[in-house]
All heavy atoms as atom14 arrays in JSON, in Angstrom:
{
  "sequence": "IEAIFKPFKLDEVREALSEIGVSGLTVTEVKGFGRQKGHTELYRG",
  "atom14_mask": [
    [1, 1, 1, 1, 1, 1, 1, 1, 0, 0, 0, 0, 0, 0],
    [1, 1, 1, 1, 1, 1, 1, 1, 1, 0, 0, 0, 0, 0],
    [1, 1, 1, 1, 1, 0, 0, 0, 0, 0, 0, 0, 0, 0],
    [1, 1, 1, 1, 1, 1, 1, 1, 0, 0, 0, 0, 0, 0],
    [1, 1, 1, 1, 1, 1, 1, 1, 1, 1, 1, 0, 0, 0],
    [1, 1, 1, 1, 1, 1, 1, 1, 1, 0, 0, 0, 0, 0],
    [1, 1, 1, 1, 1, 1, 1, 0, 0, 0, 0, 0, 0, 0],
    [1, 1, 1, 1, 1, 1, 1, 1, 1, 1, 1, 0, 0, 0],
    [1, 1, 1, 1, 1, 1, 1, 1, 1, 0, 0, 0, 0, 0],
    [1, 1, 1, 1, 1, 1, 1, 1, 0, 0, 0, 0, 0, 0],
    [1, 1, 1, 1, 1, 1, 1, 1, 0, 0, 0, 0, 0, 0],
    [1, 1, 1, 1, 1, 1, 1, 1, 1, 0, 0, 0, 0, 0],
    [1, 1, 1, 1, 1, 1, 1, 0, 0, 0, 0, 0, 0, 0],
    [1, 1, 1, 1, 1, 1, 1, 1, 1, 1, 1, 0, 0, 0],
    [1, 1, 1, 1, 1, 1, 1, 1, 1, 0, 0, 0, 0, 0],
    [1, 1, 1, 1, 1, 0, 0, 0, 0, 0, 0, 0, 0, 0],
    [1, 1, 1, 1, 1, 1, 1, 1, 0, 0, 0, 0, 0, 0],
    [1, 1, 1, 1, 1, 1, 0, 0, 0, 0, 0, 0, 0, 0],
    [1, 1, 1, 1, 1, 1, 1, 1, 1, 0, 0, 0, 0, 0],
    [1, 1, 1, 1, 1, 1, 1, 1, 0, 0, 0, 0, 0, 0],
    [1, 1, 1, 1, 0, 0, 0, 0, 0, 0, 0, 0, 0, 0],
    [1, 1, 1, 1, 1, 1, 1, 0, 0, 0, 0, 0, 0, 0],
    [1, 1, 1, 1, 1, 1, 0, 0, 0, 0, 0, 0, 0, 0],
    [1, 1, 1, 1, 0, 0, 0, 0, 0, 0, 0, 0, 0, 0],
    [1, 1, 1, 1, 1, 1, 1, 1, 0, 0, 0, 0, 0, 0],
    [1, 1, 1, 1, 1, 1, 1, 0, 0, 0, 0, 0, 0, 0],
    [1, 1, 1, 1, 1, 1, 1, 0, 0, 0, 0, 0, 0, 0],
    [1, 1, 1, 1, 1, 1, 1, 0, 0, 0, 0, 0, 0, 0],
    [1, 1, 1, 1, 1, 1, 1, 1, 1, 0, 0, 0, 0, 0],
    [1, 1, 1, 1, 1, 1, 1, 0, 0, 0, 0, 0, 0, 0],
    [1, 1, 1, 1, 1, 1, 1, 1, 1, 0, 0, 0, 0, 0],
    [1, 1, 1, 1, 0, 0, 0, 0, 0, 0, 0, 0, 0, 0],
    [1, 1, 1, 1, 1, 1, 1, 1, 1, 1, 1, 0, 0, 0],
    [1, 1, 1, 1, 0, 0, 0, 0, 0, 0, 0, 0, 0, 0],
    [1, 1, 1, 1, 1, 1, 1, 1, 1, 1, 1, 0, 0, 0],
    [1, 1, 1, 1, 1, 1, 1, 1, 1, 0, 0, 0, 0, 0],
    [1, 1, 1, 1, 1, 1, 1, 1, 1, 0, 0, 0, 0, 0],
    [1, 1, 1, 1, 0, 0, 0, 0, 0, 0, 0, 0, 0, 0],
    [1, 1, 1, 1, 1, 1, 1, 1, 1, 1, 0, 0, 0, 0],
    [1, 1, 1, 1, 1, 1, 1, 0, 0, 0, 0, 0, 0, 0],
    [1, 1, 1, 1, 1, 1, 1, 1, 1, 0, 0, 0, 0, 0],
    [1, 1, 1, 1, 1, 1, 1, 1, 0, 0, 0, 0, 0, 0],
    [1, 1, 1, 1, 1, 1, 1, 1, 1, 1, 1, 1, 0, 0],
    [1, 1, 1, 1, 1, 1, 1, 1, 1, 1, 1, 0, 0, 0],
    [1, 1, 1, 1, 0, 0, 0, 0, 0, 0, 0, 0, 0, 0]
  ],
  "atom14_positions": [
    [[102.52, 50.1, 130.74], [103.57, 49.63, 129.84], [103.91, 48.2, 130.24], [104.26, 47.94, 131.39], [104.82, 50.52, 129.91], [104.47, 51.96, 129.52], [105.94, 49.96, 129.04], [105.59, 52.95, 129.75], [0.0, 0.0, 0.0], [0.0, 0.0, 0.0], [0.0, 0.0, 0.0], [0.0, 0.0, 0.0], [0.0, 0.0, 0.0], [0.0, 0.0, 0.0]],
    [[103.77, 47.29, 129.29], [104.15, 45.89, 129.49], [105.36, 45.63, 128.61], [105.28, 45.78, 127.39], [103.03, 44.94, 129.09], [101.78, 45.07, 129.92], [100.68, 44.16, 129.41], [100.85, 42.93, 129.47], [99.68, 44.71, 128.93], [0.0, 0.0, 0.0], [0.0, 0.0, 0.0], [0.0, 0.0, 0.0], [0.0, 0.0, 0.0], [0.0, 0.0, 0.0]],
    [[106.46, 45.25, 129.22], [107.68, 44.97, 128.47], [108.07, 43.52, 128.71], [108.15, 43.07, 129.85], [108.8, 45.9, 128.9], [0.0, 0.0, 0.0], [0.0, 0.0, 0.0], [0.0, 0.0, 0.0], [0.0, 0.0, 0.0], [0.0, 0.0, 0.0], [0.0, 0.0, 0.0], [0.0, 0.0, 0.0], [0.0, 0.0, 0.0], [0.0, 0.0, 0.0]],
    [[108.32, 42.8, 127.61], [108.75, 41.4, 127.69], [110.13, 41.34, 127.07], [110.33, 41.76, 125.93], [107.77, 40.48, 126.94], [106.38, 40.61, 127.56], [108.26, 39.04, 126.98], [105.29, 39.92, 126.77], [0.0, 0.0, 0.0], [0.0, 0.0, 0.0], [0.0, 0.0, 0.0], [0.0, 0.0, 0.0], [0.0, 0.0, 0.0], [0.0, 0.0, 0.0]],
    [[111.1, 40.81, 127.83], [112.48, 40.81, 127.35], [113.27, 39.68, 128.01], [112.73, 38.93, 128.83], [113.15, 42.17, 127.6], [113.03, 42.68, 129.01], [113.96, 42.34, 129.96], [111.94, 43.47, 129.38], [113.85, 42.79, 131.26], [111.81, 43.92, 130.68], [112.77, 43.58, 131.62], [0.0, 0.0, 0.0], [0.0, 0.0, 0.0], [0.0, 0.0, 0.0]],
    [[114.55, 39.58, 127.67], [115.41, 38.51, 128.17], [115.67, 38.69, 129.67], [115.91, 39.8, 130.14], [116.73, 38.5, 127.4], [116.53, 38.15, 125.94], [117.83, 38.15, 125.17], [117.56, 37.77, 123.72], [118.76, 37.68, 122.92], [0.0, 0.0, 0.0], [0.0, 0.0, 0.0], [0.0, 0.0, 0.0], [0.0, 0.0, 0.0], [0.0, 0.0, 0.0]],
    [[115.61, 37.59, 130.43], [115.72, 37.68, 131.89], [116.99, 38.35, 132.41], [116.94, 39.05, 133.41], [115.67, 36.22, 132.34], [114.98, 35.5, 131.23], [115.35, 36.23, 129.98], [0.0, 0.0, 0.0], [0.0, 0.0, 0.0], [0.0, 0.0, 0.0], [0.0, 0.0, 0.0], [0.0, 0.0, 0.0], [0.0, 0.0, 0.0], [0.0, 0.0, 0.0]],
    [[118.12, 38.16, 131.74], [119.36, 38.72, 132.27], [119.42, 40.25, 132.16], [120.33, 40.87, 132.7], [120.59, 38.07, 131.61], [120.75, 38.37, 130.15], [121.47, 39.49, 129.73], [120.21, 37.53, 129.19], [121.64, 39.76, 128.38], [120.37, 37.79, 127.84], [121.09, 38.92, 127.44], [0.0, 0.0, 0.0], [0.0, 0.0, 0.0], [0.0, 0.0, 0.0]],
    [[118.45, 40.85, 131.51], [118.39, 42.3, 131.37], [117.52, 42.97, 132.45], [117.38, 44.18, 132.47], [117.86, 42.69, 129.98], [118.84, 42.41, 128.87], [120.02, 43.33, 129.01], [120.84, 43.44, 127.76], [121.82, 44.51, 127.87], [0.0, 0.0, 0.0], [0.0, 0.0, 0.0], [0.0, 0.0, 0.0], [0.0, 0.0, 0.0], [0.0, 0.0, 0.0]],
    [[116.94, 42.18, 133.34], [115.99, 42.71, 134.32], [116.6, 43.8, 135.21], [116.0, 44.86, 135.4], [115.42, 41.59, 135.19], [114.46, 42.03, 136.3], [113.27, 42.78, 135.72], [114.02, 40.83, 137.12], [0.0, 0.0, 0.0], [0.0, 0.0, 0.0], [0.0, 0.0, 0.0], [0.0, 0.0, 0.0], [0.0, 0.0, 0.0], [0.0, 0.0, 0.0]],
    [[117.77, 43.57, 135.78], [118.38, 44.56, 136.66], [118.65, 45.87, 135.94], [118.42, 46.95, 136.5], [119.68, 44.03, 137.28], [119.41, 42.99, 138.35], [118.31, 43.01, 138.95], [120.3, 42.15, 138.6], [0.0, 0.0, 0.0], [0.0, 0.0, 0.0], [0.0, 0.0, 0.0], [0.0, 0.0, 0.0], [0.0, 0.0, 0.0], [0.0, 0.0, 0.0]],
    [[119.11, 45.79, 134.7], [119.38, 47.0, 133.93], [118.09, 47.78, 133.66], [118.06, 49.01, 133.76], [120.06, 46.66, 132.6], [121.48, 46.13, 132.77], [122.06, 45.68, 131.44], [122.03, 46.45, 130.47], [122.56, 44.53, 131.39], [0.0, 0.0, 0.0], [0.0, 0.0, 0.0], [0.0, 0.0, 0.0], [0.0, 0.0, 0.0], [0.0, 0.0, 0.0]],
    [[117.01, 47.08, 133.33], [115.73, 47.73, 133.07], [115.2, 48.37, 134.36], [114.75, 49.51, 134.36], [114.71, 46.73, 132.48], [113.31, 47.34, 132.45], [115.14, 46.3, 131.09], [0.0, 0.0, 0.0], [0.0, 0.0, 0.0], [0.0, 0.0, 0.0], [0.0, 0.0, 0.0], [0.0, 0.0, 0.0], [0.0, 0.0, 0.0], [0.0, 0.0, 0.0]],
    [[115.27, 47.65, 135.46], [114.81, 48.18, 136.74], [115.56, 49.46, 137.12], [114.96, 50.46, 137.52], [114.96, 47.14, 137.85], [114.41, 47.6, 139.19], [114.72, 46.61, 140.3], [116.12, 46.22, 140.37], [117.09, 46.97, 140.92], [116.82, 48.15, 141.42], [118.32, 46.52, 140.95], [0.0, 0.0, 0.0], [0.0, 0.0, 0.0], [0.0, 0.0, 0.0]],
    [[116.88, 49.44, 136.96], [117.69, 50.62, 137.28], [117.37, 51.79, 136.35], [117.27, 52.94, 136.78], [119.18, 50.27, 137.19], [119.64, 49.37, 138.33], [121.05, 48.85, 138.12], [121.78, 49.38, 137.26], [121.42, 47.89, 138.82], [0.0, 0.0, 0.0], [0.0, 0.0, 0.0], [0.0, 0.0, 0.0], [0.0, 0.0, 0.0], [0.0, 0.0, 0.0]],
    [[117.18, 51.5, 135.06], [116.87, 52.56, 134.1], [115.53, 53.22, 134.42], [115.39, 54.44, 134.34], [116.87, 51.99, 132.68], [0.0, 0.0, 0.0], [0.0, 0.0, 0.0], [0.0, 0.0, 0.0], [0.0, 0.0, 0.0], [0.0, 0.0, 0.0], [0.0, 0.0, 0.0], [0.0, 0.0, 0.0], [0.0, 0.0, 0.0], [0.0, 0.0, 0.0]],
    [[114.53, 52.42, 134.79], [113.23, 52.97, 135.15], [113.31, 53.77, 136.45], [112.7, 54.82, 136.58], [112.19, 51.86, 135.27], [111.76, 51.23, 133.94], [110.9, 49.99, 134.19], [111.02, 52.23, 133.08], [0.0, 0.0, 0.0], [0.0, 0.0, 0.0], [0.0, 0.0, 0.0], [0.0, 0.0, 0.0], [0.0, 0.0, 0.0], [0.0, 0.0, 0.0]],
    [[114.08, 53.29, 137.39], [114.25, 53.99, 138.66], [114.89, 55.36, 138.44], [114.51, 56.34, 139.08], [115.1, 53.14, 139.61], [115.28, 53.79, 140.83], [0.0, 0.0, 0.0], [0.0, 0.0, 0.0], [0.0, 0.0, 0.0], [0.0, 0.0, 0.0], [0.0, 0.0, 0.0], [0.0, 0.0, 0.0], [0.0, 0.0, 0.0], [0.0, 0.0, 0.0]],
    [[115.86, 55.44, 137.54], [116.56, 56.7, 137.26], [115.64, 57.78, 136.7], [115.89, 58.96, 136.9], [117.71, 56.46, 136.28], [118.91, 55.79, 136.92], [120.0, 55.45, 135.91], [119.94, 55.91, 134.74], [120.91, 54.7, 136.29], [0.0, 0.0, 0.0], [0.0, 0.0, 0.0], [0.0, 0.0, 0.0], [0.0, 0.0, 0.0], [0.0, 0.0, 0.0]],
    [[114.57, 57.37, 136.0], [113.66, 58.38, 135.43], [112.48, 58.67, 136.34], [111.58, 59.43, 135.99], [113.17, 57.99, 134.02], [112.33, 56.71, 134.06], [114.32, 57.89, 133.05], [111.49, 56.52, 132.82], [0.0, 0.0, 0.0], [0.0, 0.0, 0.0], [0.0, 0.0, 0.0], [0.0, 0.0, 0.0], [0.0, 0.0, 0.0], [0.0, 0.0, 0.0]],
    [[112.44, 58.03, 137.53], [111.41, 58.34, 138.5], [110.26, 57.37, 138.59], [109.26, 57.65, 139.24], [0.0, 0.0, 0.0], [0.0, 0.0, 0.0], [0.0, 0.0, 0.0], [0.0, 0.0, 0.0], [0.0, 0.0, 0.0], [0.0, 0.0, 0.0], [0.0, 0.0, 0.0], [0.0, 0.0, 0.0], [0.0, 0.0, 0.0], [0.0, 0.0, 0.0]],
    [[110.38, 56.2, 137.97], [109.34, 55.18, 138.08], [109.57, 54.45, 139.41], [110.63, 53.87, 139.62], [109.38, 54.19, 136.9], [108.39, 53.06, 137.1], [109.11, 54.93, 135.6], [0.0, 0.0, 0.0], [0.0, 0.0, 0.0], [0.0, 0.0, 0.0], [0.0, 0.0, 0.0], [0.0, 0.0, 0.0], [0.0, 0.0, 0.0], [0.0, 0.0, 0.0]],
    [[108.57, 54.51, 140.29], [108.79, 54.01, 141.65], [108.37, 52.57, 141.87], [108.83, 51.94, 142.81], [108.06, 54.91, 142.64], [106.68, 54.94, 142.34], [0.0, 0.0, 0.0], [0.0, 0.0, 0.0], [0.0, 0.0, 0.0], [0.0, 0.0, 0.0], [0.0, 0.0, 0.0], [0.0, 0.0, 0.0], [0.0, 0.0, 0.0], [0.0, 0.0, 0.0]],
    [[107.48, 52.03, 141.07], [107.04, 50.66, 141.3], [106.83, 49.9, 140.02], [106.5, 50.49, 138.98], [0.0, 0.0, 0.0], [0.0, 0.0, 0.0], [0.0, 0.0, 0.0], [0.0, 0.0, 0.0], [0.0, 0.0, 0.0], [0.0, 0.0, 0.0], [0.0, 0.0, 0.0], [0.0, 0.0, 0.0], [0.0, 0.0, 0.0], [0.0, 0.0, 0.0]],
    [[107.04, 48.6, 140.09], [106.81, 47.76, 138.92], [106.51, 46.34, 139.38], [106.77, 45.98, 140.51], [108.0, 47.78, 137.95], [109.4, 47.49, 138.48], [109.69, 46.01, 138.5], [110.4, 48.19, 137.59], [0.0, 0.0, 0.0], [0.0, 0.0, 0.0], [0.0, 0.0, 0.0], [0.0, 0.0, 0.0], [0.0, 0.0, 0.0], [0.0, 0.0, 0.0]],
    [[105.93, 45.58, 138.5], [105.62, 44.18, 138.76], [106.39, 43.34, 137.76], [106.41, 43.63, 136.57], [104.1, 43.91, 138.59], [103.39, 44.76, 139.48], [103.77, 42.47, 138.88], [0.0, 0.0, 0.0], [0.0, 0.0, 0.0], [0.0, 0.0, 0.0], [0.0, 0.0, 0.0], [0.0, 0.0, 0.0], [0.0, 0.0, 0.0], [0.0, 0.0, 0.0]],
    [[107.04, 42.29, 138.27], [107.84, 41.41, 137.42], [107.25, 40.01, 137.44], [106.92, 39.49, 138.5], [109.31, 41.36, 137.91], [110.13, 40.4, 137.07], [109.93, 42.74, 137.91], [0.0, 0.0, 0.0], [0.0, 0.0, 0.0], [0.0, 0.0, 0.0], [0.0, 0.0, 0.0], [0.0, 0.0, 0.0], [0.0, 0.0, 0.0], [0.0, 0.0, 0.0]],
    [[107.1, 39.42, 136.25], [106.59, 38.06, 136.11], [107.53, 37.27, 135.23], [107.96, 37.76, 134.19], [105.19, 38.07, 135.46], [104.37, 39.02, 136.13], [104.54, 36.72, 135.53], [0.0, 0.0, 0.0], [0.0, 0.0, 0.0], [0.0, 0.0, 0.0], [0.0, 0.0, 0.0], [0.0, 0.0, 0.0], [0.0, 0.0, 0.0], [0.0, 0.0, 0.0]],
    [[107.84, 36.04, 135.64], [108.62, 35.15, 134.78], [107.63, 34.51, 133.81], [106.63, 33.91, 134.25], [109.34, 34.1, 135.59], [110.45, 34.66, 136.44], [111.17, 33.6, 137.26], [110.92, 32.39, 137.05], [111.98, 33.99, 138.11], [0.0, 0.0, 0.0], [0.0, 0.0, 0.0], [0.0, 0.0, 0.0], [0.0, 0.0, 0.0], [0.0, 0.0, 0.0]],
    [[107.9, 34.63, 132.51], [107.0, 34.1, 131.5], [107.79, 33.27, 130.49], [109.01, 33.3, 130.47], [106.22, 35.24, 130.78], [105.32, 35.96, 131.74], [107.17, 36.2, 130.09], [0.0, 0.0, 0.0], [0.0, 0.0, 0.0], [0.0, 0.0, 0.0], [0.0, 0.0, 0.0], [0.0, 0.0, 0.0], [0.0, 0.0, 0.0], [0.0, 0.0, 0.0]],
    [[107.07, 32.54, 129.66], [107.68, 31.8, 128.56], [106.9, 32.11, 127.3], [105.68, 32.29, 127.35], [107.66, 30.3, 128.82], [108.56, 29.86, 129.94], [108.55, 28.37, 130.08], [109.49, 27.98, 131.21], [109.72, 26.55, 131.23], [0.0, 0.0, 0.0], [0.0, 0.0, 0.0], [0.0, 0.0, 0.0], [0.0, 0.0, 0.0], [0.0, 0.0, 0.0]],
    [[107.58, 32.16, 126.18], [106.89, 32.41, 124.93], [107.85, 32.41, 123.76], [109.03, 32.11, 123.9], [0.0, 0.0, 0.0], [0.0, 0.0, 0.0], [0.0, 0.0, 0.0], [0.0, 0.0, 0.0], [0.0, 0.0, 0.0], [0.0, 0.0, 0.0], [0.0, 0.0, 0.0], [0.0, 0.0, 0.0], [0.0, 0.0, 0.0], [0.0, 0.0, 0.0]],
    [[107.31, 32.73, 122.59], [108.15, 32.85, 121.41], [107.47, 33.78, 120.42], [106.27, 33.98, 120.44], [108.43, 31.49, 120.76], [107.23, 30.85, 120.15], [106.89, 31.08, 118.82], [106.42, 30.0, 120.89], [105.78, 30.48, 118.25], [105.32, 29.39, 120.33], [105.0, 29.64, 119.01], [0.0, 0.0, 0.0], [0.0, 0.0, 0.0], [0.0, 0.0, 0.0]],
    [[108.28, 34.36, 119.57], [107.79, 35.21, 118.49], [108.38, 34.69, 117.2], [108.23, 33.51, 116.86], [0.0, 0.0, 0.0], [0.0, 0.0, 0.0], [0.0, 0.0, 0.0], [0.0, 0.0, 0.0], [0.0, 0.0, 0.0], [0.0, 0.0, 0.0], [0.0, 0.0, 0.0], [0.0, 0.0, 0.0], [0.0, 0.0, 0.0], [0.0, 0.0, 0.0]],
    [[109.09, 35.54, 116.52], [109.74, 35.12, 115.27], [110.8, 34.07, 115.5], [111.16, 33.32, 114.62], [110.36, 36.33, 114.59], [109.35, 37.28, 114.03], [110.01, 38.38, 113.27], [109.02, 39.34, 112.83], [109.3, 40.56, 112.47], [110.54, 40.98, 112.49], [108.36, 41.37, 112.08], [0.0, 0.0, 0.0], [0.0, 0.0, 0.0], [0.0, 0.0, 0.0]],
    [[111.33, 34.03, 116.72], [112.38, 33.08, 117.06], [111.93, 31.64, 116.88], [112.71, 30.78, 116.53], [112.76, 33.26, 118.54], [114.1, 33.87, 118.76], [114.32, 34.07, 120.25], [113.49, 34.63, 120.94], [115.43, 33.61, 120.72], [0.0, 0.0, 0.0], [0.0, 0.0, 0.0], [0.0, 0.0, 0.0], [0.0, 0.0, 0.0], [0.0, 0.0, 0.0]],
    [[110.69, 31.35, 117.21], [110.12, 30.0, 117.12], [110.88, 28.98, 117.94], [110.91, 27.81, 117.62], [110.06, 29.53, 115.66], [109.28, 30.45, 114.75], [107.79, 30.2, 114.85], [107.03, 30.86, 113.76], [106.81, 32.27, 113.89], [0.0, 0.0, 0.0], [0.0, 0.0, 0.0], [0.0, 0.0, 0.0], [0.0, 0.0, 0.0], [0.0, 0.0, 0.0]],
    [[111.53, 29.4, 119.03], [112.28, 28.47, 119.86], [113.61, 28.09, 119.24], [114.06, 28.72, 118.29], [0.0, 0.0, 0.0], [0.0, 0.0, 0.0], [0.0, 0.0, 0.0], [0.0, 0.0, 0.0], [0.0, 0.0, 0.0], [0.0, 0.0, 0.0], [0.0, 0.0, 0.0], [0.0, 0.0, 0.0], [0.0, 0.0, 0.0], [0.0, 0.0, 0.0]],
    [[114.22, 27.06, 119.77], [115.49, 26.58, 119.23], [115.68, 25.11, 119.6], [114.96, 24.56, 120.41], [116.65, 27.44, 119.74], [116.84, 27.38, 121.22], [116.14, 28.16, 122.09], [117.66, 26.6, 121.97], [116.52, 27.88, 123.33], [117.43, 26.93, 123.29], [0.0, 0.0, 0.0], [0.0, 0.0, 0.0], [0.0, 0.0, 0.0], [0.0, 0.0, 0.0]],
    [[116.69, 24.49, 119.0], [117.0, 23.08, 119.24], [118.19, 22.98, 120.18], [119.15, 23.73, 120.05], [117.34, 22.37, 117.91], [116.24, 22.56, 117.02], [117.56, 20.9, 118.12], [0.0, 0.0, 0.0], [0.0, 0.0, 0.0], [0.0, 0.0, 0.0], [0.0, 0.0, 0.0], [0.0, 0.0, 0.0], [0.0, 0.0, 0.0], [0.0, 0.0, 0.0]],
    [[118.11, 22.09, 121.15], [119.21, 21.86, 122.08], [119.57, 20.38, 122.08], [118.76, 19.53, 121.71], [118.83, 22.29, 123.5], [118.74, 23.79, 123.65], [118.57, 24.22, 125.09], [118.62, 23.35, 125.99], [118.4, 25.42, 125.31], [0.0, 0.0, 0.0], [0.0, 0.0, 0.0], [0.0, 0.0, 0.0], [0.0, 0.0, 0.0], [0.0, 0.0, 0.0]],
    [[120.78, 20.1, 122.52], [121.28, 18.73, 122.61], [121.48, 18.4, 124.07], [122.14, 19.14, 124.8], [122.61, 18.62, 121.85], [123.09, 17.24, 121.48], [122.09, 16.57, 120.53], [124.44, 17.35, 120.8], [0.0, 0.0, 0.0], [0.0, 0.0, 0.0], [0.0, 0.0, 0.0], [0.0, 0.0, 0.0], [0.0, 0.0, 0.0], [0.0, 0.0, 0.0]],
    [[120.86, 17.33, 124.56], [121.0, 16.92, 125.95], [121.27, 15.42, 126.0], [120.45, 14.62, 125.54], [119.72, 17.27, 126.74], [119.79, 16.86, 128.18], [120.6, 17.54, 129.08], [119.05, 15.78, 128.66], [120.67, 17.17, 130.41], [119.09, 15.4, 129.98], [119.91, 16.1, 130.86], [119.98, 15.73, 132.18], [0.0, 0.0, 0.0], [0.0, 0.0, 0.0]],
    [[122.42, 15.06, 126.5], [122.84, 13.65, 126.61], [122.68, 12.91, 125.29], [122.15, 11.8, 125.22], [122.07, 12.94, 127.72], [122.41, 13.48, 129.08], [121.82, 12.62, 130.16], [122.23, 13.13, 131.47], [121.92, 12.57, 132.6], [121.22, 11.46, 132.62], [122.31, 13.09, 133.73], [0.0, 0.0, 0.0], [0.0, 0.0, 0.0], [0.0, 0.0, 0.0]],
    [[123.07, 13.58, 124.23], [123.05, 12.96, 122.91], [121.71, 13.0, 122.2], [121.61, 12.61, 121.05], [0.0, 0.0, 0.0], [0.0, 0.0, 0.0], [0.0, 0.0, 0.0], [0.0, 0.0, 0.0], [0.0, 0.0, 0.0], [0.0, 0.0, 0.0], [0.0, 0.0, 0.0], [0.0, 0.0, 0.0], [0.0, 0.0, 0.0], [0.0, 0.0, 0.0]]
  ]
}
């Protein structure tokens, strides 16, 4: 199972998997986009 999701949800996902008996997992920081197509930000004008 490969799950890609928002970084701030990692602890909740890890705890949820641990509760059902999943003992090990691998975590990778990745970048990407889907339907979101990114977004626009403002930095120093």
